[in-house]
N, C-alpha and C. Protein backbone atom coordinates (compact mmCIF):
# COMPACT_ATOMS: atom_id res chain seq x y z
N UNK A 1 0.82 -1.19 0.00
CA UNK A 1 0.00 0.00 0.00
C UNK A 1 0.84 1.24 -0.01
N UNK A 2 2.01 1.21 0.70
CA UNK A 2 2.89 2.33 0.73
C UNK A 2 3.41 2.70 -0.67
N UNK A 3 3.79 1.67 -1.43
CA UNK A 3 4.24 1.90 -2.81
C UNK A 3 3.16 2.44 -3.69
N UNK A 4 1.95 1.96 -3.47
CA UNK A 4 0.81 2.43 -4.27
C UNK A 4 0.58 3.91 -3.99
N UNK A 5 0.62 4.31 -2.73
CA UNK A 5 0.35 5.73 -2.37
C UNK A 5 1.40 6.65 -2.94
N UNK A 6 2.65 6.20 -2.88
CA UNK A 6 3.80 7.00 -3.41
C UNK A 6 3.58 7.24 -4.92
N UNK A 7 3.37 6.14 -5.69
CA UNK A 7 3.18 6.28 -7.09
C UNK A 7 1.90 6.99 -7.45
N UNK A 8 0.85 6.82 -6.67
CA UNK A 8 -0.42 7.50 -6.88
C UNK A 8 -0.20 9.03 -6.81
N UNK A 9 0.49 9.46 -5.75
CA UNK A 9 0.74 10.93 -5.60
C UNK A 9 1.63 11.42 -6.73
N UNK A 10 2.62 10.67 -7.12
CA UNK A 10 3.46 11.06 -8.18
C UNK A 10 2.66 11.24 -9.48
N UNK A 11 1.89 10.24 -9.78
CA UNK A 11 1.05 10.30 -11.01
C UNK A 11 0.02 11.40 -10.94
N UNK A 12 -0.56 11.61 -9.77
CA UNK A 12 -1.54 12.66 -9.60
C UNK A 12 -0.97 14.04 -9.98
N UNK A 13 0.24 14.33 -9.42
CA UNK A 13 0.82 15.64 -9.65
C UNK A 13 1.27 15.80 -11.10
N UNK A 14 1.84 14.73 -11.63
CA UNK A 14 2.25 14.80 -13.06
C UNK A 14 1.06 15.01 -13.95
N UNK A 15 0.00 14.22 -13.71
CA UNK A 15 -1.22 14.32 -14.57
C UNK A 15 -1.83 15.70 -14.43
N UNK A 16 -1.84 16.26 -13.23
CA UNK A 16 -2.42 17.59 -13.01
C UNK A 16 -1.60 18.64 -13.75
N UNK A 17 -0.29 18.54 -13.71
CA UNK A 17 0.55 19.50 -14.37
C UNK A 17 0.31 19.46 -15.87
N UNK A 18 0.34 18.29 -16.44
CA UNK A 18 0.12 18.14 -17.90
C UNK A 18 -1.26 18.64 -18.27
N UNK A 19 -2.27 18.29 -17.52
CA UNK A 19 -3.62 18.72 -17.82
C UNK A 19 -3.76 20.23 -17.77
N UNK A 20 -3.15 20.83 -16.73
CA UNK A 20 -3.24 22.32 -16.60
C UNK A 20 -2.59 23.03 -17.78
N UNK A 21 -1.46 22.48 -18.25
CA UNK A 21 -0.79 23.07 -19.36
C UNK A 21 -1.59 22.92 -20.64
N UNK A 22 -2.17 21.76 -20.85
CA UNK A 22 -2.97 21.53 -22.07
C UNK A 22 -4.26 22.36 -22.04
N UNK A 23 -4.87 22.45 -20.84
CA UNK A 23 -6.18 23.09 -20.74
C UNK A 23 -6.11 24.60 -20.54
N UNK A 24 -4.90 25.17 -20.40
CA UNK A 24 -4.79 26.58 -20.08
C UNK A 24 -5.52 27.48 -21.12
N UNK A 25 -5.44 27.23 -22.46
CA UNK A 25 -6.29 28.05 -23.38
C UNK A 25 -7.79 27.90 -23.13
N UNK A 26 -8.20 26.67 -22.78
CA UNK A 26 -9.61 26.45 -22.48
C UNK A 26 -10.02 27.21 -21.22
N UNK A 27 -9.15 27.27 -20.24
CA UNK A 27 -9.41 28.00 -19.02
C UNK A 27 -9.65 29.49 -19.30
N UNK A 28 -8.87 30.04 -20.24
CA UNK A 28 -8.99 31.46 -20.61
C UNK A 28 -10.36 31.69 -21.25
N UNK A 29 -10.81 30.77 -22.07
CA UNK A 29 -12.13 30.87 -22.71
C UNK A 29 -13.22 30.85 -21.65
N UNK A 30 -13.11 29.89 -20.69
CA UNK A 30 -14.09 29.76 -19.61
C UNK A 30 -14.10 31.01 -18.77
N UNK A 31 -12.95 31.57 -18.47
CA UNK A 31 -12.87 32.79 -17.67
C UNK A 31 -13.58 33.97 -18.38
N UNK A 32 -13.34 34.07 -19.67
CA UNK A 32 -13.99 35.17 -20.41
C UNK A 32 -15.48 34.98 -20.43
N UNK A 33 -15.94 33.75 -20.62
CA UNK A 33 -17.41 33.40 -20.67
C UNK A 33 -18.07 33.77 -19.33
N UNK A 34 -17.40 33.38 -18.20
CA UNK A 34 -17.94 33.66 -16.91
C UNK A 34 -18.03 35.15 -16.63
N UNK A 35 -17.01 35.92 -16.99
CA UNK A 35 -17.04 37.33 -16.76
C UNK A 35 -18.06 38.04 -17.65
N UNK A 36 -18.21 37.56 -18.85
CA UNK A 36 -19.17 38.11 -19.80
C UNK A 36 -20.57 37.86 -19.32
N UNK A 37 -20.78 36.72 -18.69
CA UNK A 37 -22.16 36.28 -18.28
C UNK A 37 -22.66 36.94 -17.02
N UNK A 38 -21.77 37.22 -16.07
CA UNK A 38 -22.21 37.80 -14.80
C UNK A 38 -21.04 38.50 -14.07
N UNK A 39 -21.38 39.39 -13.19
CA UNK A 39 -20.37 40.13 -12.41
C UNK A 39 -19.80 39.18 -11.32
N UNK A 40 -18.59 39.47 -10.91
CA UNK A 40 -18.00 38.66 -9.88
C UNK A 40 -16.66 38.05 -10.35
N UNK A 41 -16.01 37.34 -9.42
CA UNK A 41 -14.76 36.67 -9.76
C UNK A 41 -14.93 35.48 -10.66
N UNK A 42 -13.87 35.10 -11.33
CA UNK A 42 -13.92 33.92 -12.23
C UNK A 42 -13.94 32.63 -11.39
N UNK A 43 -13.08 32.64 -10.35
CA UNK A 43 -12.97 31.43 -9.51
C UNK A 43 -13.73 31.55 -8.21
N UNK A 44 -14.12 30.43 -7.69
CA UNK A 44 -14.82 30.37 -6.39
C UNK A 44 -13.96 29.49 -5.47
N UNK A 45 -13.59 30.04 -4.31
CA UNK A 45 -12.83 29.27 -3.33
C UNK A 45 -13.74 28.96 -2.11
N UNK A 46 -13.72 27.70 -1.74
CA UNK A 46 -14.49 27.29 -0.57
C UNK A 46 -13.65 26.37 0.32
N UNK A 47 -13.71 26.64 1.64
CA UNK A 47 -12.95 25.81 2.54
C UNK A 47 -13.59 24.43 2.69
N UNK A 48 -12.81 23.42 2.48
CA UNK A 48 -13.22 22.07 2.68
C UNK A 48 -12.21 21.33 3.62
N UNK A 49 -12.65 20.17 4.09
CA UNK A 49 -11.81 19.42 5.04
C UNK A 49 -11.09 18.34 4.27
N UNK A 50 -9.76 18.35 4.40
CA UNK A 50 -8.93 17.41 3.63
C UNK A 50 -8.33 16.29 4.44
N UNK A 51 -7.20 15.80 4.00
CA UNK A 51 -6.49 14.70 4.63
C UNK A 51 -6.20 15.04 6.12
N UNK A 52 -6.51 14.07 7.01
CA UNK A 52 -6.30 14.19 8.43
C UNK A 52 -7.13 15.33 9.06
N UNK A 53 -8.16 15.73 8.40
CA UNK A 53 -9.02 16.78 8.93
C UNK A 53 -8.47 18.18 8.75
N UNK A 54 -7.44 18.34 7.93
CA UNK A 54 -6.83 19.66 7.72
C UNK A 54 -7.62 20.46 6.69
N UNK A 55 -8.09 21.67 6.98
CA UNK A 55 -8.84 22.43 6.02
C UNK A 55 -7.96 22.94 4.88
N UNK A 56 -8.58 23.09 3.71
CA UNK A 56 -7.87 23.71 2.58
C UNK A 56 -8.95 24.41 1.74
N UNK A 57 -8.49 25.25 0.80
CA UNK A 57 -9.42 25.94 -0.07
C UNK A 57 -9.53 25.24 -1.40
N UNK A 58 -10.71 24.70 -1.66
CA UNK A 58 -11.00 24.06 -2.93
C UNK A 58 -11.34 25.11 -3.98
N UNK A 59 -10.86 24.91 -5.21
CA UNK A 59 -11.02 25.87 -6.27
C UNK A 59 -12.00 25.36 -7.33
N UNK A 60 -12.85 26.23 -7.75
CA UNK A 60 -13.82 25.92 -8.82
C UNK A 60 -14.00 27.14 -9.71
N UNK A 61 -14.52 26.92 -10.94
CA UNK A 61 -15.02 28.04 -11.70
C UNK A 61 -16.29 28.47 -11.03
N UNK A 62 -16.50 29.80 -10.90
CA UNK A 62 -17.73 30.29 -10.27
C UNK A 62 -18.93 30.02 -11.15
N UNK A 63 -19.97 29.39 -10.58
CA UNK A 63 -21.18 29.06 -11.35
C UNK A 63 -22.42 29.73 -10.75
N UNK A 64 -22.25 30.46 -9.69
CA UNK A 64 -23.36 31.11 -9.04
C UNK A 64 -23.11 32.61 -8.90
N UNK A 65 -24.17 33.33 -8.59
CA UNK A 65 -24.02 34.71 -8.27
C UNK A 65 -23.15 34.91 -7.04
N UNK A 66 -22.41 36.02 -6.95
CA UNK A 66 -21.54 36.24 -5.78
C UNK A 66 -22.34 36.14 -4.48
N UNK A 67 -21.67 35.59 -3.44
CA UNK A 67 -22.21 35.45 -2.09
C UNK A 67 -23.42 34.50 -2.04
N UNK A 68 -23.61 33.65 -2.98
CA UNK A 68 -24.77 32.70 -3.01
C UNK A 68 -24.66 31.69 -1.87
N UNK A 69 -23.46 31.38 -1.39
CA UNK A 69 -23.30 30.36 -0.35
C UNK A 69 -23.93 30.83 0.96
N UNK A 70 -24.21 32.14 1.11
CA UNK A 70 -24.90 32.65 2.29
C UNK A 70 -26.34 32.18 2.36
N UNK A 71 -26.86 31.74 1.22
CA UNK A 71 -28.26 31.26 1.15
C UNK A 71 -28.33 29.75 1.31
N UNK A 72 -27.17 29.09 1.55
CA UNK A 72 -27.16 27.63 1.70
C UNK A 72 -25.98 27.03 1.01
N UNK A 73 -25.49 25.90 1.56
CA UNK A 73 -24.28 25.26 0.98
C UNK A 73 -24.62 24.22 -0.08
N UNK A 74 -25.89 23.79 -0.08
CA UNK A 74 -26.29 22.77 -1.07
C UNK A 74 -26.88 23.45 -2.30
N UNK A 75 -26.64 22.82 -3.44
CA UNK A 75 -27.26 23.23 -4.69
C UNK A 75 -28.51 22.37 -4.93
N UNK A 76 -29.64 23.00 -5.03
CA UNK A 76 -30.88 22.25 -5.15
C UNK A 76 -31.40 22.35 -6.57
N UNK A 77 -31.09 21.38 -7.37
CA UNK A 77 -31.58 21.30 -8.76
C UNK A 77 -30.78 22.17 -9.70
N UNK A 78 -30.80 21.80 -10.99
CA UNK A 78 -30.05 22.58 -11.99
C UNK A 78 -30.68 23.92 -12.24
N UNK A 79 -31.96 24.13 -11.80
CA UNK A 79 -32.60 25.39 -12.01
C UNK A 79 -32.54 26.24 -10.75
N UNK A 80 -31.65 25.94 -9.84
CA UNK A 80 -31.43 26.75 -8.65
C UNK A 80 -31.25 28.21 -9.13
N UNK A 81 -31.99 29.15 -8.63
CA UNK A 81 -32.01 30.51 -9.11
C UNK A 81 -30.66 31.21 -8.93
N UNK A 82 -29.79 30.64 -8.11
CA UNK A 82 -28.49 31.27 -7.86
C UNK A 82 -27.49 30.96 -8.97
N UNK A 83 -27.77 29.95 -9.78
CA UNK A 83 -26.83 29.50 -10.81
C UNK A 83 -26.95 30.42 -12.05
N UNK A 84 -25.79 30.85 -12.54
CA UNK A 84 -25.76 31.69 -13.72
C UNK A 84 -26.00 30.88 -15.00
N UNK A 85 -26.16 31.58 -16.10
CA UNK A 85 -26.37 30.86 -17.35
C UNK A 85 -25.15 30.06 -17.76
N UNK A 86 -23.97 30.66 -17.65
CA UNK A 86 -22.74 29.91 -17.93
C UNK A 86 -22.55 28.79 -16.92
N UNK A 87 -22.93 29.08 -15.66
CA UNK A 87 -22.78 28.10 -14.59
C UNK A 87 -23.58 26.83 -14.84
N UNK A 88 -24.74 26.99 -15.44
CA UNK A 88 -25.60 25.81 -15.76
C UNK A 88 -24.81 24.81 -16.62
N UNK A 89 -24.16 25.30 -17.68
CA UNK A 89 -23.43 24.40 -18.61
C UNK A 89 -22.13 23.92 -17.96
N UNK A 90 -21.51 24.76 -17.21
CA UNK A 90 -20.27 24.31 -16.52
C UNK A 90 -20.58 23.17 -15.56
N UNK A 91 -21.68 23.27 -14.86
CA UNK A 91 -22.06 22.25 -13.91
C UNK A 91 -22.51 20.97 -14.61
N UNK A 92 -23.27 21.12 -15.69
CA UNK A 92 -23.80 20.00 -16.43
C UNK A 92 -22.69 19.04 -16.82
N UNK A 93 -21.60 19.62 -17.35
CA UNK A 93 -20.50 18.76 -17.78
C UNK A 93 -19.31 18.72 -16.83
N UNK A 94 -19.57 19.16 -15.57
CA UNK A 94 -18.55 19.11 -14.49
C UNK A 94 -17.31 19.94 -14.82
N UNK A 95 -17.43 20.89 -15.74
CA UNK A 95 -16.30 21.72 -16.11
C UNK A 95 -15.89 22.65 -14.97
N UNK A 96 -16.80 22.98 -14.09
CA UNK A 96 -16.49 23.87 -12.98
C UNK A 96 -15.53 23.26 -12.00
N UNK A 97 -15.32 21.91 -12.10
CA UNK A 97 -14.42 21.22 -11.19
C UNK A 97 -12.95 21.25 -11.67
N UNK A 98 -12.73 21.57 -12.94
CA UNK A 98 -11.40 21.49 -13.53
C UNK A 98 -10.32 22.29 -12.79
N UNK A 99 -10.61 23.48 -12.23
CA UNK A 99 -9.58 24.19 -11.50
C UNK A 99 -9.01 23.44 -10.29
N UNK A 100 -9.70 22.38 -9.85
CA UNK A 100 -9.21 21.59 -8.73
C UNK A 100 -7.93 20.78 -9.11
N UNK A 101 -7.62 20.79 -10.42
CA UNK A 101 -6.34 20.21 -10.84
C UNK A 101 -5.22 20.97 -10.13
N UNK A 102 -5.42 22.25 -9.85
CA UNK A 102 -4.45 23.05 -9.08
C UNK A 102 -4.33 22.51 -7.65
N UNK A 103 -5.43 22.10 -7.03
CA UNK A 103 -5.40 21.51 -5.73
C UNK A 103 -4.62 20.21 -5.73
N UNK A 104 -4.77 19.45 -6.86
CA UNK A 104 -4.07 18.18 -7.00
C UNK A 104 -2.57 18.46 -7.11
N UNK A 105 -2.23 19.42 -7.94
CA UNK A 105 -0.81 19.79 -8.15
C UNK A 105 -0.17 20.24 -6.81
N UNK A 106 -0.92 20.90 -5.99
CA UNK A 106 -0.40 21.37 -4.66
C UNK A 106 -0.29 20.27 -3.65
N UNK A 107 -0.89 19.11 -3.98
CA UNK A 107 -0.83 17.98 -3.05
C UNK A 107 -1.97 17.97 -2.07
N UNK A 108 -2.98 18.82 -2.25
CA UNK A 108 -4.12 18.85 -1.33
C UNK A 108 -5.16 17.83 -1.68
N UNK A 109 -5.21 17.43 -2.97
CA UNK A 109 -6.20 16.47 -3.46
C UNK A 109 -5.51 15.49 -4.38
N UNK A 110 -6.31 14.45 -4.68
CA UNK A 110 -5.90 13.41 -5.59
C UNK A 110 -6.89 13.41 -6.76
N UNK A 111 -6.53 12.72 -7.85
CA UNK A 111 -7.47 12.60 -8.96
C UNK A 111 -8.69 11.77 -8.52
N UNK A 112 -8.44 10.67 -7.86
CA UNK A 112 -9.48 9.76 -7.33
C UNK A 112 -9.41 9.72 -5.81
N UNK A 113 -10.51 9.95 -5.18
CA UNK A 113 -10.55 9.89 -3.71
C UNK A 113 -11.91 10.46 -3.27
N UNK A 114 -12.27 10.27 -2.00
CA UNK A 114 -13.53 10.79 -1.48
C UNK A 114 -13.66 12.30 -1.70
N UNK A 115 -14.75 12.73 -2.17
CA UNK A 115 -14.96 14.19 -2.39
C UNK A 115 -14.86 14.91 -1.04
N UNK A 116 -14.13 16.03 -0.98
CA UNK A 116 -14.02 16.76 0.29
C UNK A 116 -15.31 17.44 0.66
N UNK A 117 -15.57 17.45 1.91
CA UNK A 117 -16.83 18.02 2.47
C UNK A 117 -16.55 19.32 3.23
N UNK A 118 -17.55 20.12 3.41
CA UNK A 118 -17.41 21.37 4.18
C UNK A 118 -17.44 20.96 5.67
N UNK A 119 -16.88 21.84 6.51
CA UNK A 119 -16.73 21.52 7.92
C UNK A 119 -18.08 21.32 8.60
N UNK A 120 -19.09 22.06 8.18
CA UNK A 120 -20.42 21.93 8.77
C UNK A 120 -20.91 20.50 8.80
N UNK A 121 -20.70 19.81 7.72
CA UNK A 121 -21.18 18.41 7.63
C UNK A 121 -20.19 17.39 8.17
N UNK A 122 -18.87 17.70 8.08
CA UNK A 122 -17.85 16.82 8.66
C UNK A 122 -18.07 16.69 10.19
N UNK A 123 -18.55 17.73 10.81
CA UNK A 123 -18.77 17.75 12.26
C UNK A 123 -19.85 16.65 12.63
N UNK A 124 -20.66 16.32 11.65
CA UNK A 124 -21.71 15.27 11.92
C UNK A 124 -21.24 13.87 11.74
N UNK A 125 -20.04 13.68 11.23
CA UNK A 125 -19.51 12.32 10.99
C UNK A 125 -19.40 11.55 12.28
N UNK A 126 -19.68 10.27 12.19
CA UNK A 126 -19.43 9.37 13.36
C UNK A 126 -17.90 9.08 13.34
N UNK A 127 -17.37 8.54 14.43
CA UNK A 127 -15.98 8.13 14.46
C UNK A 127 -15.61 7.21 13.29
N UNK A 128 -16.47 6.31 12.95
CA UNK A 128 -16.22 5.39 11.84
C UNK A 128 -16.22 6.14 10.49
N UNK A 129 -17.14 7.05 10.32
CA UNK A 129 -17.18 7.79 9.10
C UNK A 129 -15.96 8.70 8.89
N UNK A 130 -15.41 9.16 10.04
CA UNK A 130 -14.22 10.05 9.94
C UNK A 130 -13.01 9.32 9.39
N UNK A 131 -13.06 8.02 9.26
CA UNK A 131 -11.93 7.27 8.70
C UNK A 131 -11.69 7.67 7.24
N UNK A 132 -12.69 8.22 6.58
CA UNK A 132 -12.49 8.65 5.18
C UNK A 132 -11.50 9.82 5.12
N UNK A 133 -11.21 10.46 6.23
CA UNK A 133 -10.27 11.58 6.26
C UNK A 133 -8.84 11.07 6.31
N UNK A 134 -8.65 9.76 6.34
CA UNK A 134 -7.32 9.17 6.36
C UNK A 134 -6.71 9.07 4.98
N UNK A 135 -7.45 9.42 3.93
CA UNK A 135 -6.92 9.44 2.58
C UNK A 135 -7.21 10.79 1.97
N UNK A 136 -6.42 11.14 0.94
CA UNK A 136 -6.62 12.45 0.36
C UNK A 136 -7.97 12.51 -0.39
N UNK A 137 -8.61 13.61 -0.30
CA UNK A 137 -9.87 13.80 -1.06
C UNK A 137 -9.56 13.83 -2.55
N UNK A 138 -10.54 13.60 -3.43
CA UNK A 138 -10.29 13.53 -4.84
C UNK A 138 -11.28 14.29 -5.68
N UNK A 139 -10.97 14.34 -6.97
CA UNK A 139 -11.84 15.00 -7.98
C UNK A 139 -13.09 14.12 -8.24
N UNK A 140 -12.90 12.84 -8.20
CA UNK A 140 -14.06 11.93 -8.42
C UNK A 140 -13.89 10.66 -7.59
N UNK A 141 -14.99 10.00 -7.37
CA UNK A 141 -14.99 8.77 -6.59
C UNK A 141 -16.26 7.97 -6.88
N UNK A 142 -16.42 6.87 -6.16
CA UNK A 142 -17.60 6.04 -6.36
C UNK A 142 -18.88 6.80 -6.01
N UNK A 143 -18.82 7.64 -4.98
CA UNK A 143 -20.00 8.40 -4.58
C UNK A 143 -20.37 9.44 -5.64
N UNK A 144 -19.36 10.01 -6.28
CA UNK A 144 -19.62 11.02 -7.34
C UNK A 144 -20.36 10.35 -8.48
N UNK A 145 -20.01 9.09 -8.79
CA UNK A 145 -20.70 8.40 -9.87
C UNK A 145 -22.14 8.04 -9.45
N UNK A 146 -22.29 7.54 -8.23
CA UNK A 146 -23.56 7.13 -7.77
C UNK A 146 -24.57 8.33 -7.64
N UNK A 147 -23.97 9.45 -7.20
CA UNK A 147 -24.81 10.67 -7.02
C UNK A 147 -24.41 11.77 -7.98
N UNK A 148 -24.28 11.39 -9.19
CA UNK A 148 -23.92 12.35 -10.28
C UNK A 148 -24.96 13.45 -10.37
N UNK A 149 -26.22 13.13 -10.17
CA UNK A 149 -27.32 14.11 -10.21
C UNK A 149 -27.86 14.43 -8.83
N UNK A 150 -26.98 14.56 -7.89
CA UNK A 150 -27.36 14.79 -6.49
C UNK A 150 -28.26 16.03 -6.34
N UNK A 151 -27.92 17.11 -7.02
CA UNK A 151 -28.71 18.31 -6.87
C UNK A 151 -30.16 18.10 -7.32
N UNK A 152 -30.37 17.25 -8.27
CA UNK A 152 -31.75 16.94 -8.77
C UNK A 152 -32.52 16.12 -7.72
N UNK A 153 -31.80 15.20 -7.07
CA UNK A 153 -32.44 14.44 -6.00
C UNK A 153 -32.86 15.39 -4.87
N UNK A 154 -32.01 16.31 -4.53
CA UNK A 154 -32.32 17.28 -3.45
C UNK A 154 -33.48 18.17 -3.86
N UNK A 155 -33.58 18.49 -5.14
CA UNK A 155 -34.64 19.38 -5.62
C UNK A 155 -36.03 18.70 -5.46
N UNK A 156 -36.05 17.40 -5.40
CA UNK A 156 -37.32 16.69 -5.27
C UNK A 156 -37.72 16.49 -3.79
N UNK A 157 -36.86 16.91 -2.88
CA UNK A 157 -37.12 16.71 -1.46
C UNK A 157 -37.77 17.97 -0.85
N UNK A 158 -38.73 17.81 0.02
CA UNK A 158 -39.33 18.97 0.69
C UNK A 158 -38.34 19.60 1.67
N UNK A 159 -37.38 18.82 2.17
CA UNK A 159 -36.39 19.32 3.09
C UNK A 159 -35.00 18.86 2.64
N UNK A 160 -34.43 19.57 1.64
CA UNK A 160 -33.17 19.14 1.00
C UNK A 160 -32.04 18.90 1.95
N UNK A 161 -31.80 19.79 2.92
CA UNK A 161 -30.64 19.61 3.78
C UNK A 161 -30.84 18.39 4.68
N UNK A 162 -32.05 18.19 5.18
CA UNK A 162 -32.30 17.01 6.00
C UNK A 162 -32.14 15.74 5.22
N UNK A 163 -32.55 15.76 3.95
CA UNK A 163 -32.34 14.61 3.08
C UNK A 163 -30.89 14.31 2.88
N UNK A 164 -30.14 15.38 2.63
CA UNK A 164 -28.68 15.20 2.49
C UNK A 164 -28.05 14.59 3.69
N UNK A 165 -28.33 15.12 4.88
CA UNK A 165 -27.69 14.69 6.12
C UNK A 165 -28.14 13.27 6.49
N UNK A 166 -29.43 12.94 6.33
CA UNK A 166 -29.97 11.68 6.84
C UNK A 166 -29.81 10.56 5.81
N UNK A 167 -29.82 10.85 4.53
CA UNK A 167 -29.80 9.85 3.51
C UNK A 167 -28.60 9.81 2.58
N UNK A 168 -28.36 10.95 1.93
CA UNK A 168 -27.30 11.00 0.91
C UNK A 168 -25.90 10.93 1.54
N UNK A 169 -25.64 11.75 2.49
CA UNK A 169 -24.30 11.78 3.10
C UNK A 169 -23.85 10.45 3.63
N UNK A 170 -24.70 9.76 4.43
CA UNK A 170 -24.28 8.43 4.93
C UNK A 170 -24.01 7.40 3.80
N UNK A 171 -24.83 7.48 2.75
CA UNK A 171 -24.66 6.57 1.63
C UNK A 171 -23.35 6.89 0.91
N UNK A 172 -23.03 8.14 0.73
CA UNK A 172 -21.76 8.52 0.11
C UNK A 172 -20.54 8.11 0.90
N UNK A 173 -20.69 8.27 2.24
CA UNK A 173 -19.56 7.89 3.09
C UNK A 173 -19.34 6.36 3.10
N UNK A 174 -20.41 5.65 2.95
CA UNK A 174 -20.26 4.17 2.84
C UNK A 174 -19.58 3.80 1.57
N UNK A 175 -19.84 4.50 0.47
CA UNK A 175 -19.13 4.28 -0.78
C UNK A 175 -17.66 4.68 -0.65
N UNK A 176 -17.39 5.77 0.07
CA UNK A 176 -16.04 6.19 0.33
C UNK A 176 -15.26 5.12 1.05
N UNK A 177 -15.88 4.48 2.05
CA UNK A 177 -15.19 3.42 2.79
C UNK A 177 -14.95 2.21 1.90
N UNK A 178 -15.89 1.92 1.02
CA UNK A 178 -15.74 0.83 0.03
C UNK A 178 -14.54 1.08 -0.86
N UNK A 179 -14.40 2.39 -1.30
CA UNK A 179 -13.26 2.74 -2.17
C UNK A 179 -11.96 2.54 -1.39
N UNK A 180 -11.92 2.99 -0.14
CA UNK A 180 -10.68 2.86 0.68
C UNK A 180 -10.27 1.42 0.80
N UNK A 181 -11.29 0.55 0.96
CA UNK A 181 -10.95 -0.93 1.11
C UNK A 181 -10.44 -1.52 -0.18
N UNK A 182 -10.77 -0.89 -1.30
CA UNK A 182 -10.41 -1.45 -2.59
C UNK A 182 -9.37 -0.66 -3.37
N UNK A 183 -8.73 0.30 -2.64
CA UNK A 183 -7.77 1.23 -3.33
C UNK A 183 -6.69 0.48 -4.06
N UNK A 184 -6.57 0.83 -5.40
CA UNK A 184 -5.54 0.24 -6.23
C UNK A 184 -5.56 1.04 -7.53
N UNK A 185 -4.46 0.90 -8.35
CA UNK A 185 -4.41 1.56 -9.62
C UNK A 185 -5.56 1.16 -10.51
N UNK A 186 -5.91 -0.14 -10.46
CA UNK A 186 -6.98 -0.67 -11.29
C UNK A 186 -8.33 -0.03 -10.88
N UNK A 187 -8.57 0.09 -9.58
CA UNK A 187 -9.81 0.77 -9.12
C UNK A 187 -9.84 2.20 -9.55
N UNK A 188 -8.75 2.92 -9.41
CA UNK A 188 -8.65 4.32 -9.74
C UNK A 188 -8.94 4.51 -11.26
N UNK A 189 -8.29 3.72 -12.12
CA UNK A 189 -8.51 3.83 -13.53
C UNK A 189 -9.98 3.54 -13.94
N UNK A 190 -10.55 2.56 -13.26
CA UNK A 190 -11.94 2.23 -13.49
C UNK A 190 -12.88 3.43 -13.20
N UNK A 191 -12.62 4.09 -12.07
CA UNK A 191 -13.42 5.22 -11.67
C UNK A 191 -13.22 6.40 -12.64
N UNK A 192 -11.97 6.64 -13.05
CA UNK A 192 -11.73 7.70 -14.01
C UNK A 192 -12.47 7.49 -15.31
N UNK A 193 -12.39 6.26 -15.88
CA UNK A 193 -13.05 5.99 -17.12
C UNK A 193 -14.57 6.06 -17.00
N UNK A 194 -15.08 5.58 -15.83
CA UNK A 194 -16.51 5.59 -15.64
C UNK A 194 -17.00 7.05 -15.49
N UNK A 195 -16.22 7.94 -14.87
CA UNK A 195 -16.53 9.32 -14.72
C UNK A 195 -16.61 10.02 -16.06
N UNK A 196 -15.58 9.77 -16.90
CA UNK A 196 -15.58 10.36 -18.22
C UNK A 196 -16.80 9.92 -19.05
N UNK A 197 -17.10 8.64 -18.99
CA UNK A 197 -18.27 8.10 -19.70
C UNK A 197 -19.57 8.71 -19.20
N UNK A 198 -19.66 8.87 -17.89
CA UNK A 198 -20.87 9.45 -17.25
C UNK A 198 -21.07 10.91 -17.70
N UNK A 199 -19.98 11.67 -17.82
CA UNK A 199 -20.03 13.04 -18.20
C UNK A 199 -20.56 13.17 -19.65
N UNK A 200 -20.07 12.30 -20.54
CA UNK A 200 -20.52 12.33 -21.90
C UNK A 200 -21.98 11.87 -22.05
N UNK A 201 -22.45 10.96 -21.15
CA UNK A 201 -23.81 10.52 -21.17
C UNK A 201 -24.74 11.64 -20.78
N UNK A 202 -24.23 12.64 -20.06
CA UNK A 202 -25.10 13.74 -19.61
C UNK A 202 -25.58 14.64 -20.76
N UNK A 203 -25.00 14.38 -21.96
CA UNK A 203 -25.50 15.12 -23.14
C UNK A 203 -26.90 14.71 -23.52
N UNK A 204 -27.27 13.47 -23.11
CA UNK A 204 -28.55 12.98 -23.52
C UNK A 204 -29.72 13.57 -22.73
């Protein structure tokens, strides 16, 4: 496992560097689109809880109106009124997550690993659930695939936050534990390919 983690981190940082270099022209186009579409910063930084419970600032392309997080941390449906026009398409194809390659390059995240949560919800973890903090958070994981349309599920709930806390979050954490038990290069590659396939399926 030690060898796997060493090579995983090496490959994560190398892949992130190459991807950032290749995607830099695309990032400029996205930045221009976001600024043209709405006022505010291009990037959105939010504090999440990372490896060993250490906070870090996760980076995304901004997809909502400025200060929208004051109205709630969960996104409820693709038609959430806080989402900008550009933000709708960025979210649909998960393009808003691409700046997190910088978090991977910095060593705060991995390509594959449990998605990092905000402190508000991490405080609700049981001691067993907190074991997911023993690995680096990632861009994608089993829970991301299972709950690819999480915001739409929340939109159908009369109490979205309660549904997230009582149903979705425990299920995602169980999938995180399953990933940790099965961690390997083969597992990681499978999740990466399934994530790419799922993104392209969202066109339908």
